[in-house]
Amino acid sequence: MAEVAGLALGVVGLASTFDTIIKYLEYAHVGKNFDNDFQDSVLKLDNARLQLSRWGAAVKLNFVDENPVSMDATHMTESDIPKVKERLDWILAAVQKCERKSKKIDKRGDFESPPNLQPMVRPLHIRINEVVKSRRNRLSKIELAKWAIYDKKHFQSLINSITEHTDALVKLFPALEDEQKKLCEAETASLCESLAILQKAIENQDKKLDEALKYILKPVASQLTTNIQESQVGVVTHQGGAVHQTFGAFKIRK
C-alpha cells in the first residue's frame, strides 16, 4: 500500500512539473528584434512545446490529477519516476534560466502578443496553441507573467535543451512508439484542417492564397471533413471506459 501511495505521489509530482513547463512556454514570446528569424523562431518554440506535450499525452500525464486513482491511467512505473524527473527538471531549469536572462535584458513590451505572423502561418500557430493547451492537466499553481526571449543564442540554447531532453523522455518509453505516431498523425490532420478553414474563409477574397492553399491541401483533401466549421480541437471524452481525444475533426481511440 505504501509503495502504491509513493508511486501516486511521484507521478503527481512529475505531472505538476510537466504542467509547469508547458505553462512557462505558453507565456514565452519571441522578441521583435529577431527580425527575419522572427516567424521561424515562433514556430520552433511552438514545435518544442508540441513535442513535449505529445510525450506527456502519450504517457498520460495530461490525465493525472491530485487524486491517486488517476495514477492507474498512466504508463509509469516506480522505476520510471527518477529518470523522468531528471529530464523534466533539466527542461524546467533551462526554461527558468532563459527567463531570468531575458528579464535582465529588460526590453519591456518589445514583443507582440499574439505574434504578427503571415496569413498562412497564423492559423498553424493558433492551432498548435490549442492542441498544447488541451494536453495540460492544470496541476501547476505557479503564477506567471508574459515574458520574451531577445537573445538568439539564449533562444537556440533553450530549444536545444527542450528537444534533447524530450527526445530522451520519448526513448524511455519505446513501447509507446505507436501512441506517439497516432498523436503525431492527429496533430498533422489538425494543422491541415486549420489551413482548410483559412482557405474556405478567403476563397473569394484572396485568389492567390486560395490557389496556394488548395495546392498544398490537395494530397489530404479527401481526408479532411467537409463540415470544418463544427471541428473541435483537443477535446477529451470518455465513453464506455474508453478515452477519446479529438483534434480538428479527427478522433483517436486510446
C-alpha atoms as a PDB file:
ATOM      1  CA  MET A   1       0.000   0.000   0.000  1.00  0.00           C
ATOM      2  CA  ALA A   2       2.851   2.380   0.874  1.00  0.00           C
ATOM      3  CA  GLU A   3       4.514   1.612  -2.480  1.00  0.00           C
ATOM      4  CA  VAL A   4       1.304   2.453  -4.343  1.00  0.00           C
ATOM      5  CA  ALA A   5       0.961   5.713  -2.413  1.00  0.00           C
ATOM      6  CA  GLY A   6       4.601   6.554  -3.162  1.00  0.00           C
ATOM      7  CA  LEU A   7       4.074   5.909  -6.863  1.00  0.00           C
ATOM      8  CA  ALA A   8       0.953   8.052  -6.874  1.00  0.00           C
ATOM      9  CA  LEU A   9       2.722  10.970  -5.214  1.00  0.00           C
ATOM     10  CA  GLY A  10       5.721  10.584  -7.510  1.00  0.00           C
ATOM     11  CA  VAL A  11       3.602  10.699 -10.659  1.00  0.00           C
ATOM     12  CA  VAL A  12       1.602  13.670  -9.362  1.00  0.00           C
ATOM     13  CA  GLY A  13       4.912  15.464  -8.852  1.00  0.00           C
ATOM     14  CA  LEU A  14       6.005  14.670 -12.402  1.00  0.00           C
ATOM     15  CA  ALA A  15       2.637  15.725 -13.802  1.00  0.00           C
ATOM     16  CA  SER A  16       2.881  19.030 -11.928  1.00  0.00           C
ATOM     17  CA  THR A  17       6.408  19.707 -13.255  1.00  0.00           C
ATOM     18  CA  PHE A  18       5.264  18.815 -16.788  1.00  0.00           C
ATOM     19  CA  ASP A  19       2.342  21.235 -16.495  1.00  0.00           C
ATOM     20  CA  THR A  20       4.584  23.979 -15.094  1.00  0.00           C
ATOM     21  CA  ILE A  21       6.953  23.680 -18.082  1.00  0.00           C
ATOM     22  CA  ILE A  22       4.073  23.833 -20.571  1.00  0.00           C
ATOM     23  CA  LYS A  23       2.678  26.855 -18.716  1.00  0.00           C
ATOM     24  CA  TYR A  24       6.067  28.648 -18.760  1.00  0.00           C
ATOM     25  CA  LEU A  25       6.348  28.084 -22.505  1.00  0.00           C
ATOM     26  CA  GLU A  26       2.770  29.224 -23.033  1.00  0.00           C
ATOM     27  CA  TYR A  27       3.744  32.608 -21.579  1.00  0.00           C
ATOM     28  CA  ALA A  28       7.012  32.801 -23.563  1.00  0.00           C
ATOM     29  CA  HIS A  29       7.292  35.061 -26.605  1.00  0.00           C
ATOM     30  CA  VAL A  30       9.912  35.852 -29.216  1.00  0.00           C
ATOM     31  CA  GLY A  31      11.286  39.406 -29.194  1.00  0.00           C
ATOM     32  CA  LYS A  32      10.620  41.641 -32.196  1.00  0.00           C
ATOM     33  CA  ASN A  33      14.387  42.121 -32.565  1.00  0.00           C
ATOM     34  CA  PHE A  34      14.593  38.630 -34.153  1.00  0.00           C
ATOM     35  CA  ASP A  35      13.629  40.383 -37.414  1.00  0.00           C
ATOM     36  CA  ASN A  36      13.889  37.917 -40.334  1.00  0.00           C
ATOM     37  CA  ASP A  37      14.169  34.985 -37.935  1.00  0.00           C
ATOM     38  CA  PHE A  38      11.048  36.004 -36.004  1.00  0.00           C
ATOM     39  CA  GLN A  39       8.475  33.786 -37.698  1.00  0.00           C
ATOM     40  CA  ASP A  40      10.710  30.702 -37.843  1.00  0.00           C
ATOM     41  CA  SER A  41      11.583  31.204 -34.181  1.00  0.00           C
ATOM     42  CA  VAL A  42       7.912  31.396 -33.165  1.00  0.00           C
ATOM     43  CA  LEU A  43       7.272  28.106 -34.966  1.00  0.00           C
ATOM     44  CA  LYS A  44      10.364  26.481 -33.401  1.00  0.00           C
ATOM     45  CA  LEU A  45       9.107  27.449 -29.955  1.00  0.00           C
ATOM     46  CA  ASP A  46       5.636  26.149 -30.858  1.00  0.00           C
ATOM     47  CA  ASN A  47       7.114  22.857 -32.012  1.00  0.00           C
ATOM     48  CA  ALA A  48       9.192  22.449 -28.849  1.00  0.00           C
ATOM     49  CA  ARG A  49       6.015  22.834 -26.782  1.00  0.00           C
ATOM     50  CA  LEU A  50       4.126  20.481 -29.077  1.00  0.00           C
ATOM     51  CA  GLN A  51       6.774  17.743 -28.843  1.00  0.00           C
ATOM     52  CA  LEU A  52       6.863  17.850 -25.057  1.00  0.00           C
ATOM     53  CA  SER A  53       3.073  17.916 -24.794  1.00  0.00           C
ATOM     54  CA  ARG A  54       2.862  14.922 -27.157  1.00  0.00           C
ATOM     55  CA  TRP A  55       5.167  12.911 -24.898  1.00  0.00           C
ATOM     56  CA  GLY A  56       3.063  13.919 -21.868  1.00  0.00           C
ATOM     57  CA  ALA A  57      -0.108  12.827 -23.650  1.00  0.00           C
ATOM     58  CA  ALA A  58       1.469   9.506 -24.669  1.00  0.00           C
ATOM     59  CA  VAL A  59       2.370   8.593 -21.073  1.00  0.00           C
ATOM     60  CA  LYS A  60      -1.000  10.026 -19.932  1.00  0.00           C
ATOM     61  CA  LEU A  61       0.402  12.752 -17.673  1.00  0.00           C
ATOM     62  CA  ASN A  62      -2.307  15.008 -19.085  1.00  0.00           C
ATOM     63  CA  PHE A  63      -4.914  12.888 -17.253  1.00  0.00           C
ATOM     64  CA  VAL A  64      -3.171  12.964 -13.866  1.00  0.00           C
ATOM     65  CA  ASP A  65      -4.793  14.962 -11.079  1.00  0.00           C
ATOM     66  CA  GLU A  66      -4.348  15.104  -7.325  1.00  0.00           C
ATOM     67  CA  ASN A  67      -6.497  12.005  -6.874  1.00  0.00           C
ATOM     68  CA  PRO A  68      -4.305   8.836  -6.568  1.00  0.00           C
ATOM     69  CA  VAL A  69      -6.874   6.881  -8.593  1.00  0.00           C
ATOM     70  CA  SER A  70      -5.700   8.723 -11.711  1.00  0.00           C
ATOM     71  CA  MET A  71      -2.307   7.001 -11.454  1.00  0.00           C
ATOM     72  CA  ASP A  72      -3.867   3.891 -12.993  1.00  0.00           C
ATOM     73  CA  ALA A  73      -4.286   5.747 -16.268  1.00  0.00           C
ATOM     74  CA  THR A  74      -0.577   6.466 -16.746  1.00  0.00           C
ATOM     75  CA  HIS A  75       2.134   4.336 -18.332  1.00  0.00           C
ATOM     76  CA  MET A  76       4.545   4.988 -15.459  1.00  0.00           C
ATOM     77  CA  THR A  77       6.231   2.501 -13.162  1.00  0.00           C
ATOM     78  CA  GLU A  78       8.117   3.284  -9.973  1.00  0.00           C
ATOM     79  CA  SER A  79      11.457   2.783 -11.722  1.00  0.00           C
ATOM     80  CA  ASP A  80      10.498   5.359 -14.364  1.00  0.00           C
ATOM     81  CA  ILE A  81       9.957   8.168 -11.872  1.00  0.00           C
ATOM     82  CA  PRO A  82      13.578   9.209 -11.128  1.00  0.00           C
ATOM     83  CA  LYS A  83      14.560   9.015 -14.812  1.00  0.00           C
ATOM     84  CA  VAL A  84      11.605  11.128 -15.912  1.00  0.00           C
ATOM     85  CA  LYS A  85      12.077  13.560 -13.041  1.00  0.00           C
ATOM     86  CA  GLU A  86      15.704  14.154 -14.029  1.00  0.00           C
ATOM     87  CA  ARG A  87      14.761  15.044 -17.602  1.00  0.00           C
ATOM     88  CA  LEU A  88      11.793  17.240 -16.674  1.00  0.00           C
ATOM     89  CA  ASP A  89      13.893  19.042 -14.074  1.00  0.00           C
ATOM     90  CA  TRP A  90      16.541  19.734 -16.729  1.00  0.00           C
ATOM     91  CA  ILE A  91      13.918  21.217 -19.066  1.00  0.00           C
ATOM     92  CA  LEU A  92      12.354  23.339 -16.321  1.00  0.00           C
ATOM     93  CA  ALA A  93      15.787  24.613 -15.262  1.00  0.00           C
ATOM     94  CA  ALA A  94      16.607  25.553 -18.874  1.00  0.00           C
ATOM     95  CA  VAL A  95      13.317  27.445 -19.254  1.00  0.00           C
ATOM     96  CA  GLN A  96      13.750  29.295 -15.951  1.00  0.00           C
ATOM     97  CA  LYS A  97      17.376  30.150 -16.788  1.00  0.00           C
ATOM     98  CA  CYS A  98      16.300  31.584 -20.132  1.00  0.00           C
ATOM     99  CA  GLU A  99      13.532  33.595 -18.454  1.00  0.00           C
ATOM    100  CA  ARG A 100      15.991  35.057 -15.910  1.00  0.00           C
ATOM    101  CA  LYS A 101      18.437  36.058 -18.666  1.00  0.00           C
ATOM    102  CA  SER A 102      15.643  37.618 -20.699  1.00  0.00           C
ATOM    103  CA  LYS A 103      14.416  39.694 -17.774  1.00  0.00           C
ATOM    104  CA  LYS A 104      17.929  41.117 -17.332  1.00  0.00           C
ATOM    105  CA  ILE A 105      17.802  42.445 -20.894  1.00  0.00           C
ATOM    106  CA  ASP A 106      14.578  44.218 -19.850  1.00  0.00           C
ATOM    107  CA  LYS A 107      13.018  45.316 -23.134  1.00  0.00           C
ATOM    108  CA  ARG A 108       9.577  45.849 -21.661  1.00  0.00           C
ATOM    109  CA  GLY A 109       6.779  45.322 -24.133  1.00  0.00           C
ATOM    110  CA  ASP A 110       9.167  44.731 -27.035  1.00  0.00           C
ATOM    111  CA  PHE A 111       7.211  41.707 -28.221  1.00  0.00           C
ATOM    112  CA  GLU A 112       3.845  41.081 -29.831  1.00  0.00           C
ATOM    113  CA  SER A 113       1.086  39.048 -28.193  1.00  0.00           C
ATOM    114  CA  PRO A 114      -0.275  37.412 -30.231  1.00  0.00           C
ATOM    115  CA  PRO A 115       2.671  37.481 -32.645  1.00  0.00           C
ATOM    116  CA  ASN A 116       2.232  39.171 -36.008  1.00  0.00           C
ATOM    117  CA  LEU A 117       2.551  36.238 -38.408  1.00  0.00           C
ATOM    118  CA  GLN A 118       1.908  35.718 -42.110  1.00  0.00           C
ATOM    119  CA  PRO A 119      -1.660  34.631 -43.031  1.00  0.00           C
ATOM    120  CA  MET A 120      -0.684  31.025 -43.780  1.00  0.00           C
ATOM    121  CA  VAL A 121       1.335  30.689 -40.569  1.00  0.00           C
ATOM    122  CA  ARG A 122      -1.050  32.336 -38.106  1.00  0.00           C
ATOM    123  CA  PRO A 123      -3.673  29.530 -38.092  1.00  0.00           C
ATOM    124  CA  LEU A 124      -0.922  26.946 -37.542  1.00  0.00           C
ATOM    125  CA  HIS A 125       0.342  28.885 -34.517  1.00  0.00           C
ATOM    126  CA  ILE A 126      -3.189  29.178 -33.135  1.00  0.00           C
ATOM    127  CA  ARG A 127      -3.965  25.500 -33.683  1.00  0.00           C
ATOM    128  CA  ILE A 128      -0.710  24.349 -32.056  1.00  0.00           C
ATOM    129  CA  ASN A 129      -1.551  26.527 -29.049  1.00  0.00           C
ATOM    130  CA  GLU A 130      -4.968  24.896 -28.820  1.00  0.00           C
ATOM    131  CA  VAL A 131      -3.546  21.372 -29.025  1.00  0.00           C
ATOM    132  CA  VAL A 132      -0.856  22.061 -26.404  1.00  0.00           C
ATOM    133  CA  LYS A 133      -3.345  23.707 -24.028  1.00  0.00           C
ATOM    134  CA  SER A 134      -5.664  20.711 -24.369  1.00  0.00           C
ATOM    135  CA  ARG A 135      -2.871  18.494 -23.027  1.00  0.00           C
ATOM    136  CA  ARG A 136      -2.359  20.440 -19.815  1.00  0.00           C
ATOM    137  CA  ASN A 137      -3.513  18.802 -16.577  1.00  0.00           C
ATOM    138  CA  ARG A 138      -3.830  22.147 -14.711  1.00  0.00           C
ATOM    139  CA  LEU A 139      -1.820  20.905 -11.718  1.00  0.00           C
ATOM    140  CA  SER A 140       0.603  23.822 -11.845  1.00  0.00           C
ATOM    141  CA  LYS A 141      -0.311  26.575  -9.390  1.00  0.00           C
ATOM    142  CA  ILE A 142       2.589  28.889 -10.247  1.00  0.00           C
ATOM    143  CA  GLU A 143       1.664  32.486 -11.134  1.00  0.00           C
ATOM    144  CA  LEU A 144       3.392  33.660 -14.298  1.00  0.00           C
ATOM    145  CA  ALA A 145       3.526  36.757 -16.479  1.00  0.00           C
ATOM    146  CA  LYS A 146       4.265  37.009 -20.184  1.00  0.00           C
ATOM    147  CA  TRP A 147       7.974  37.096 -20.948  1.00  0.00           C
ATOM    148  CA  ALA A 148      10.059  37.309 -24.092  1.00  0.00           C
ATOM    149  CA  ILE A 149      13.362  35.981 -25.386  1.00  0.00           C
ATOM    150  CA  TYR A 150      15.523  38.666 -27.006  1.00  0.00           C
ATOM    151  CA  ASP A 151      18.871  36.909 -27.429  1.00  0.00           C
ATOM    152  CA  LYS A 152      19.094  34.439 -30.326  1.00  0.00           C
ATOM    153  CA  LYS A 153      21.802  32.370 -28.605  1.00  0.00           C
ATOM    154  CA  HIS A 154      19.675  32.061 -25.470  1.00  0.00           C
ATOM    155  CA  PHE A 155      16.724  31.085 -27.659  1.00  0.00           C
ATOM    156  CA  GLN A 156      18.616  28.368 -29.554  1.00  0.00           C
ATOM    157  CA  SER A 157      20.071  27.021 -26.313  1.00  0.00           C
ATOM    158  CA  LEU A 158      16.548  26.708 -24.890  1.00  0.00           C
ATOM    159  CA  ILE A 159      15.207  24.965 -27.996  1.00  0.00           C
ATOM    160  CA  ASN A 160      18.167  22.555 -27.978  1.00  0.00           C
ATOM    161  CA  SER A 161      17.633  21.708 -24.300  1.00  0.00           C
ATOM    162  CA  ILE A 162      13.903  21.089 -24.691  1.00  0.00           C
ATOM    163  CA  THR A 163      14.433  18.963 -27.804  1.00  0.00           C
ATOM    164  CA  GLU A 164      17.309  16.933 -26.343  1.00  0.00           C
ATOM    165  CA  HIS A 165      15.534  16.051 -23.111  1.00  0.00           C
ATOM    166  CA  THR A 166      12.157  15.476 -24.782  1.00  0.00           C
ATOM    167  CA  ASP A 167      13.828  13.014 -27.167  1.00  0.00           C
ATOM    168  CA  ALA A 168      15.360  11.283 -24.135  1.00  0.00           C
ATOM    169  CA  LEU A 169      11.924  11.081 -22.468  1.00  0.00           C
ATOM    170  CA  VAL A 170      10.450   9.530 -25.607  1.00  0.00           C
ATOM    171  CA  LYS A 171      13.226   6.917 -25.690  1.00  0.00           C
ATOM    172  CA  LEU A 172      12.455   5.924 -22.085  1.00  0.00           C
ATOM    173  CA  PHE A 173       9.120   4.533 -23.297  1.00  0.00           C
ATOM    174  CA  PRO A 174       9.763   2.592 -26.539  1.00  0.00           C
ATOM    175  CA  ALA A 175       6.503   0.670 -26.086  1.00  0.00           C
ATOM    176  CA  LEU A 176       4.624   3.929 -26.700  1.00  0.00           C
ATOM    177  CA  GLU A 177       6.022   4.482 -30.189  1.00  0.00           C
ATOM    178  CA  ASP A 178       2.672   3.672 -31.809  1.00  0.00           C
ATOM    179  CA  GLU A 179       0.911   6.043 -29.417  1.00  0.00           C
ATOM    180  CA  GLN A 180       3.363   8.800 -30.333  1.00  0.00           C
ATOM    181  CA  LYS A 181       2.715   8.123 -34.005  1.00  0.00           C
ATOM    182  CA  LYS A 182      -1.071   8.333 -33.538  1.00  0.00           C
ATOM    183  CA  LEU A 183      -0.790  11.619 -31.700  1.00  0.00           C
ATOM    184  CA  CYS A 184       1.531  12.992 -34.379  1.00  0.00           C
ATOM    185  CA  GLU A 185      -0.889  11.959 -37.131  1.00  0.00           C
ATOM    186  CA  ALA A 186      -3.724  13.667 -35.268  1.00  0.00           C
ATOM    187  CA  GLU A 187      -1.648  16.837 -34.971  1.00  0.00           C
ATOM    188  CA  THR A 188      -0.912  16.775 -38.701  1.00  0.00           C
ATOM    189  CA  ALA A 189      -4.579  16.334 -39.528  1.00  0.00           C
ATOM    190  CA  SER A 190      -5.497  19.175 -37.194  1.00  0.00           C
ATOM    191  CA  LEU A 191      -2.916  21.533 -38.715  1.00  0.00           C
ATOM    192  CA  CYS A 192      -4.130  20.689 -42.221  1.00  0.00           C
ATOM    193  CA  GLU A 193      -7.671  21.386 -41.130  1.00  0.00           C
ATOM    194  CA  SER A 194      -6.696  24.818 -39.812  1.00  0.00           C
ATOM    195  CA  LEU A 195      -5.345  25.631 -43.280  1.00  0.00           C
ATOM    196  CA  ALA A 196      -8.566  24.306 -44.796  1.00  0.00           C
ATOM    197  CA  ILE A 197     -10.555  26.664 -42.562  1.00  0.00           C
ATOM    198  CA  LEU A 198      -8.376  29.560 -43.732  1.00  0.00           C
ATOM    199  CA  GLN A 199      -8.798  28.537 -47.369  1.00  0.00           C
ATOM    200  CA  LYS A 200     -12.591  28.417 -47.019  1.00  0.00           C
ATOM    201  CA  ALA A 201     -12.658  31.836 -45.385  1.00  0.00           C
ATOM    202  CA  ILE A 202     -10.600  33.659 -48.037  1.00  0.00           C
ATOM    203  CA  GLU A 203     -11.516  31.766 -51.227  1.00  0.00           C
ATOM    204  CA  ASN A 204     -13.475  34.738 -52.632  1.00  0.00           C
ATOM    205  CA  GLN A 205     -11.170  37.371 -51.195  1.00  0.00           C
ATOM    206  CA  ASP A 206      -7.573  36.332 -51.948  1.00  0.00           C
ATOM    207  CA  LYS A 207      -7.371  34.218 -55.089  1.00  0.00           C
ATOM    208  CA  LYS A 208      -3.609  33.723 -54.984  1.00  0.00           C
ATOM    209  CA  LEU A 209      -3.590  32.492 -51.404  1.00  0.00           C
ATOM    210  CA  ASP A 210      -6.675  30.398 -52.137  1.00  0.00           C
ATOM    211  CA  GLU A 211      -4.893  28.656 -55.033  1.00  0.00           C
ATOM    212  CA  ALA A 212      -1.731  28.123 -52.968  1.00  0.00           C
ATOM    213  CA  LEU A 213      -3.691  26.579 -50.097  1.00  0.00           C
ATOM    214  CA  LYS A 214      -5.673  24.316 -52.410  1.00  0.00           C
ATOM    215  CA  TYR A 215      -2.409  23.075 -53.948  1.00  0.00           C
ATOM    216  CA  ILE A 216      -0.910  22.345 -50.517  1.00  0.00           C
ATOM    217  CA  LEU A 217      -4.060  20.638 -49.229  1.00  0.00           C
ATOM    218  CA  LYS A 218      -4.785  18.592 -52.363  1.00  0.00           C
ATOM    219  CA  PRO A 219      -2.983  15.390 -51.151  1.00  0.00           C
ATOM    220  CA  VAL A 220      -5.046  15.322 -47.934  1.00  0.00           C
ATOM    221  CA  ALA A 221      -8.260  16.934 -49.164  1.00  0.00           C
ATOM    222  CA  SER A 222     -10.163  13.642 -49.186  1.00  0.00           C
ATOM    223  CA  GLN A 223      -9.269  13.046 -45.527  1.00  0.00           C
ATOM    224  CA  LEU A 224     -10.491  16.424 -44.325  1.00  0.00           C
ATOM    225  CA  THR A 225     -14.066  16.729 -43.157  1.00  0.00           C
ATOM    226  CA  THR A 226     -16.310  18.950 -45.260  1.00  0.00           C
ATOM    227  CA  ASN A 227     -18.009  20.386 -42.207  1.00  0.00           C
ATOM    228  CA  ILE A 228     -14.912  22.082 -40.797  1.00  0.00           C
ATOM    229  CA  GLN A 229     -16.949  24.727 -39.028  1.00  0.00           C
ATOM    230  CA  GLU A 230     -18.000  22.168 -36.417  1.00  0.00           C
ATOM    231  CA  SER A 231     -14.472  20.959 -35.693  1.00  0.00           C
ATOM    232  CA  GLN A 232     -13.269  20.500 -32.114  1.00  0.00           C
ATOM    233  CA  VAL A 233      -9.648  20.649 -31.051  1.00  0.00           C
ATOM    234  CA  GLY A 234      -8.138  18.618 -28.264  1.00  0.00           C
ATOM    235  CA  VAL A 235     -11.489  17.687 -26.728  1.00  0.00           C
ATOM    236  CA  VAL A 236     -11.277  14.737 -24.381  1.00  0.00           C
ATOM    237  CA  THR A 237     -14.303  12.492 -23.883  1.00  0.00           C
ATOM    238  CA  HIS A 238     -14.893   9.231 -22.054  1.00  0.00           C
ATOM    239  CA  GLN A 239     -17.211   6.601 -23.499  1.00  0.00           C
ATOM    240  CA  GLY A 240     -17.707   3.171 -22.015  1.00  0.00           C
ATOM    241  CA  GLY A 241     -14.379   3.260 -20.205  1.00  0.00           C
ATOM    242  CA  ALA A 242     -12.511   4.219 -23.399  1.00  0.00           C
ATOM    243  CA  VAL A 243     -10.826   7.591 -23.789  1.00  0.00           C
ATOM    244  CA  HIS A 244     -11.143   9.567 -27.000  1.00  0.00           C
ATOM    245  CA  GLN A 245      -9.215  12.694 -27.887  1.00  0.00           C
ATOM    246  CA  THR A 246     -10.243  14.824 -30.841  1.00  0.00           C
ATOM    247  CA  PHE A 247      -8.042  17.158 -32.866  1.00  0.00           C
ATOM    248  CA  GLY A 248      -9.948  19.039 -35.531  1.00  0.00           C
ATOM    249  CA  ALA A 249     -12.452  16.551 -36.908  1.00  0.00           C
ATOM    250  CA  PHE A 250     -10.167  13.563 -36.318  1.00  0.00           C
ATOM    251  CA  LYS A 251     -10.820  11.311 -33.361  1.00  0.00           C
ATOM    252  CA  ILE A 252      -8.322   8.902 -31.859  1.00  0.00           C
ATOM    253  CA  ARG A 253      -9.351   5.993 -29.695  1.00  0.00           C
ATOM    254  CA  LYS A 254      -6.971   5.337 -26.812  1.00  0.00           C
END
